[in-house]
């Protein structure tokens, strides 16, 4: 069984990119597109995803509004190494499986199940939940970590983790080993958590929908 309570010392050296500076790594992912904003352009409050609402009902203590803190992480070499290592660790240790195959949720009348992949299996939601938890345990502010709903390259619903940093909004994704700027993923962005309250979700300006780019491959 995969245990998500891990020490930070286990993350160091987990990925090749961890030894590269943040700026260099992001430049290698694809050129900076100055026509796109560095941060996801959020609009007004919108509906809360069913999976998050159900998770909060099951674990209300994890959905409390955090104390006010910085909502942007000043990304340095050490924090970049930590971010890459946690992302790589989770992507490498979780076996992808659908919620229905995993839990049989359709028989229970549940559409979507967000939880931690304690048994080493899960779908995109479980990857994201674990990455967020590990980053928080490592000292990253919750305000800088936003669960984000997107449409993937197949126009299917997908969940990623947005990390707000001094280098812009970065995306941690189980379908891509690279950490990319939000507009480099080729996804269409739907909504994300508010920095001030994880139970408030904000729509993302559809004018900045991003088309699939060969730079993602």
Protein backbone atom coordinates (compact mmCIF):
# COMPACT_ATOMS: atom_id res chain seq x y z
CA UNK A 1 0.00 0.00 0.00
CA UNK A 2 1.32 3.40 -0.93
CA UNK A 3 1.69 5.68 2.08
CA UNK A 4 1.24 9.38 1.39
CA UNK A 5 2.75 10.51 4.69
CA UNK A 6 6.32 10.80 3.49
CA UNK A 7 9.28 12.88 4.61
CA UNK A 8 10.64 15.62 2.39
CA UNK A 9 14.05 13.93 2.35
CA UNK A 10 12.48 11.24 0.15
CA UNK A 11 11.68 13.80 -2.52
CA UNK A 12 15.20 15.13 -3.13
CA UNK A 13 16.62 13.84 -6.38
CA UNK A 14 13.35 12.19 -7.42
CA UNK A 15 13.41 13.82 -10.85
CA UNK A 16 16.02 14.98 -13.33
CA UNK A 17 14.42 18.42 -13.62
CA UNK A 18 14.82 19.00 -9.89
CA UNK A 19 18.46 19.97 -10.40
CA UNK A 20 17.62 22.62 -12.99
CA UNK A 21 16.73 26.16 -12.01
CA UNK A 22 13.03 27.11 -12.23
CA UNK A 23 13.62 29.63 -15.00
CA UNK A 24 15.68 27.21 -17.09
CA UNK A 25 13.20 24.37 -16.70
CA UNK A 26 10.23 26.49 -17.67
CA UNK A 27 12.08 27.90 -20.66
CA UNK A 28 12.78 24.34 -21.79
CA UNK A 29 9.12 23.39 -21.57
CA UNK A 30 8.20 25.94 -24.26
CA UNK A 31 8.91 29.59 -25.02
CA UNK A 32 7.13 32.14 -22.85
CA UNK A 33 4.05 33.38 -24.68
CA UNK A 34 3.81 37.06 -23.77
CA UNK A 35 0.28 37.22 -25.21
CA UNK A 36 -0.97 35.10 -22.32
CA UNK A 37 -1.28 36.34 -18.74
CA UNK A 38 1.04 34.75 -16.19
CA UNK A 39 -1.92 33.87 -13.97
CA UNK A 40 -5.20 32.20 -14.81
CA UNK A 41 -7.77 34.98 -15.43
CA UNK A 42 -10.51 34.17 -12.92
CA UNK A 43 -13.95 35.73 -13.04
CA UNK A 44 -16.94 35.29 -10.72
CA UNK A 45 -17.95 32.60 -8.26
CA UNK A 46 -19.40 29.48 -9.84
CA UNK A 47 -20.66 26.04 -8.87
CA UNK A 48 -18.62 23.80 -6.56
CA UNK A 49 -17.63 20.46 -8.17
CA UNK A 50 -19.59 17.53 -6.83
CA UNK A 51 -16.40 15.64 -5.97
CA UNK A 52 -15.13 18.45 -3.75
CA UNK A 53 -18.49 18.89 -2.02
CA UNK A 54 -18.64 15.17 -1.26
CA UNK A 55 -15.04 15.14 -0.04
CA UNK A 56 -15.78 18.01 2.35
CA UNK A 57 -18.83 16.19 3.65
CA UNK A 58 -16.68 13.16 4.41
CA UNK A 59 -13.70 15.13 5.79
CA UNK A 60 -14.90 18.61 6.85
CA UNK A 61 -11.72 19.33 8.77
CA UNK A 62 -9.74 19.34 5.52
CA UNK A 63 -12.00 21.91 3.91
CA UNK A 64 -11.80 24.62 6.53
CA UNK A 65 -10.92 28.11 5.38
CA UNK A 66 -7.20 28.52 6.18
CA UNK A 67 -5.70 31.44 8.01
CA UNK A 68 -4.76 34.26 5.71
CA UNK A 69 -1.39 33.60 4.07
CA UNK A 70 0.63 34.41 0.99
CA UNK A 71 -1.14 33.28 -2.18
CA UNK A 72 2.02 33.35 -4.30
CA UNK A 73 5.15 31.31 -3.64
CA UNK A 74 8.50 32.95 -4.35
CA UNK A 75 10.00 30.11 -6.35
CA UNK A 76 13.68 29.46 -5.67
CA UNK A 77 15.94 26.49 -6.38
CA UNK A 78 14.98 24.56 -3.24
CA UNK A 79 11.23 25.04 -3.69
CA UNK A 80 11.45 24.16 -7.37
CA UNK A 81 13.28 20.94 -6.48
CA UNK A 82 10.59 20.15 -3.93
CA UNK A 83 7.76 20.89 -6.38
CA UNK A 84 9.22 18.71 -9.12
CA UNK A 85 10.05 15.90 -6.73
CA UNK A 86 6.57 15.73 -5.21
CA UNK A 87 4.97 15.86 -8.65
CA UNK A 88 7.21 13.07 -9.92
CA UNK A 89 6.82 10.96 -6.80
CA UNK A 90 3.02 10.94 -7.00
CA UNK A 91 2.90 10.42 -10.76
CA UNK A 92 5.30 7.49 -10.45
CA UNK A 93 3.67 5.72 -7.51
CA UNK A 94 -0.05 5.85 -8.31
CA UNK A 95 -1.66 3.42 -10.74
CA UNK A 96 -4.28 5.14 -12.86
CA UNK A 97 -7.79 3.66 -12.61
CA UNK A 98 -11.28 5.08 -13.05
CA UNK A 99 -13.45 5.79 -10.02
CA UNK A 100 -16.01 3.24 -11.10
CA UNK A 101 -13.45 0.48 -11.65
CA UNK A 102 -11.80 1.40 -8.37
CA UNK A 103 -14.79 1.90 -6.08
CA UNK A 104 -17.87 0.89 -8.08
CA UNK A 105 -19.29 4.35 -7.44
CA UNK A 106 -22.03 4.16 -10.08
CA UNK A 107 -23.77 1.46 -8.06
CA UNK A 108 -23.77 3.86 -5.10
CA UNK A 109 -25.30 6.64 -7.19
CA UNK A 110 -22.11 8.73 -6.99
CA UNK A 111 -20.89 10.58 -10.07
CA UNK A 112 -17.39 11.45 -8.93
CA UNK A 113 -15.25 10.52 -5.94
CA UNK A 114 -12.37 12.67 -4.76
CA UNK A 115 -10.14 11.16 -2.10
CA UNK A 116 -6.55 10.18 -1.32
CA UNK A 117 -5.08 7.18 -3.17
CA UNK A 118 -4.19 5.30 0.02
CA UNK A 119 -4.07 1.97 -1.81
CA UNK A 120 -1.81 3.29 -4.58
CA UNK A 121 -4.60 3.59 -7.15
CA UNK A 122 -6.66 6.52 -8.37
CA UNK A 123 -7.70 8.83 -11.18
CA UNK A 124 -6.72 12.44 -11.85
CA UNK A 125 -8.65 13.70 -8.83
CA UNK A 126 -6.74 11.43 -6.46
CA UNK A 127 -3.36 12.41 -7.91
CA UNK A 128 -4.20 16.08 -7.39
CA UNK A 129 -5.51 15.62 -3.86
CA UNK A 130 -2.33 13.83 -2.84
CA UNK A 131 -0.02 16.40 -4.44
CA UNK A 132 -1.85 19.19 -2.66
CA UNK A 133 -1.65 17.37 0.67
CA UNK A 134 2.08 16.67 0.35
CA UNK A 135 2.84 20.26 -0.61
CA UNK A 136 0.85 21.56 2.37
CA UNK A 137 2.69 19.15 4.67
CA UNK A 138 5.95 20.47 3.20
CA UNK A 139 4.98 24.00 4.21
CA UNK A 140 3.46 25.39 1.01
CA UNK A 141 0.55 27.77 1.71
CA UNK A 142 -2.88 26.40 0.85
CA UNK A 143 -3.77 29.75 -0.71
CA UNK A 144 -1.21 29.11 -3.45
CA UNK A 145 -2.57 25.64 -4.30
CA UNK A 146 -5.81 25.48 -6.27
CA UNK A 147 -7.63 22.44 -7.57
CA UNK A 148 -8.56 23.34 -11.14
CA UNK A 149 -11.14 21.84 -13.50
CA UNK A 150 -10.17 21.73 -17.19
CA UNK A 151 -11.14 20.02 -20.42
CA UNK A 152 -8.25 17.88 -21.66
CA UNK A 153 -7.08 17.24 -25.23
CA UNK A 154 -10.01 14.87 -25.78
CA UNK A 155 -12.43 17.48 -24.41
CA UNK A 156 -12.98 15.34 -21.34
CA UNK A 157 -13.25 16.69 -17.80
CA UNK A 158 -9.94 16.58 -15.97
CA UNK A 159 -8.52 17.89 -12.68
CA UNK A 160 -5.07 19.46 -12.26
CA UNK A 161 -3.31 21.38 -9.51
CA UNK A 162 -2.51 25.04 -10.10
CA UNK A 163 0.44 26.31 -8.08
CA UNK A 164 0.67 30.11 -7.98
CA UNK A 165 4.33 31.17 -8.01
CA UNK A 166 6.54 34.11 -8.84
CA UNK A 167 6.99 32.42 -12.24
CA UNK A 168 3.23 32.44 -12.85
CA UNK A 169 0.58 29.75 -12.47
CA UNK A 170 2.20 26.33 -12.87
CA UNK A 171 0.30 23.11 -13.52
CA UNK A 172 0.91 19.74 -11.87
CA UNK A 173 -0.75 17.05 -13.96
CA UNK A 174 -0.75 13.26 -13.86
CA UNK A 175 -0.97 13.15 -17.68
CA UNK A 176 2.24 15.13 -18.17
CA UNK A 177 5.56 14.61 -16.41
CA UNK A 178 6.55 18.21 -17.11
CA UNK A 179 5.47 21.12 -14.96
CA UNK A 180 4.14 23.71 -17.39
CA UNK A 181 2.75 27.21 -17.24
CA UNK A 182 -1.03 27.09 -17.26
CA UNK A 183 -1.36 28.23 -20.87
CA UNK A 184 1.16 25.68 -22.16
CA UNK A 185 -0.93 22.61 -21.35
CA UNK A 186 -3.33 22.79 -24.28
CA UNK A 187 -6.28 22.48 -21.89
CA UNK A 188 -9.44 24.58 -21.75
CA UNK A 189 -9.79 26.02 -18.25
CA UNK A 190 -13.21 25.93 -16.60
CA UNK A 191 -12.90 26.83 -12.90
CA UNK A 192 -10.59 26.74 -9.90
CA UNK A 193 -10.59 27.22 -6.15
CA UNK A 194 -10.39 30.70 -4.72
CA UNK A 195 -7.15 31.55 -2.94
CA UNK A 196 -9.04 32.87 0.07
CA UNK A 197 -11.52 30.02 0.45
CA UNK A 198 -11.10 26.51 -1.00
CA UNK A 199 -14.88 26.05 -0.88
CA UNK A 200 -15.44 28.94 -3.27
CA UNK A 201 -14.78 28.17 -6.92
CA UNK A 202 -14.19 30.80 -9.58
CA UNK A 203 -14.83 30.53 -13.29
CA UNK A 204 -11.91 31.16 -15.65
CA UNK A 205 -12.23 33.60 -18.52
CA UNK A 206 -13.12 31.52 -21.64
CA UNK A 207 -11.44 34.07 -23.89
CA UNK A 208 -8.15 32.53 -22.83
CA UNK A 209 -9.03 28.98 -23.84
CA UNK A 210 -5.81 27.39 -25.05
CA UNK A 211 -5.47 25.22 -28.13
CA UNK A 212 -3.38 22.07 -28.19
CA UNK A 213 0.22 22.83 -29.05
CA UNK A 214 2.96 20.53 -30.31
CA UNK A 215 5.18 21.92 -27.55
CA UNK A 216 3.25 19.77 -25.08
CA UNK A 217 4.39 16.48 -26.59
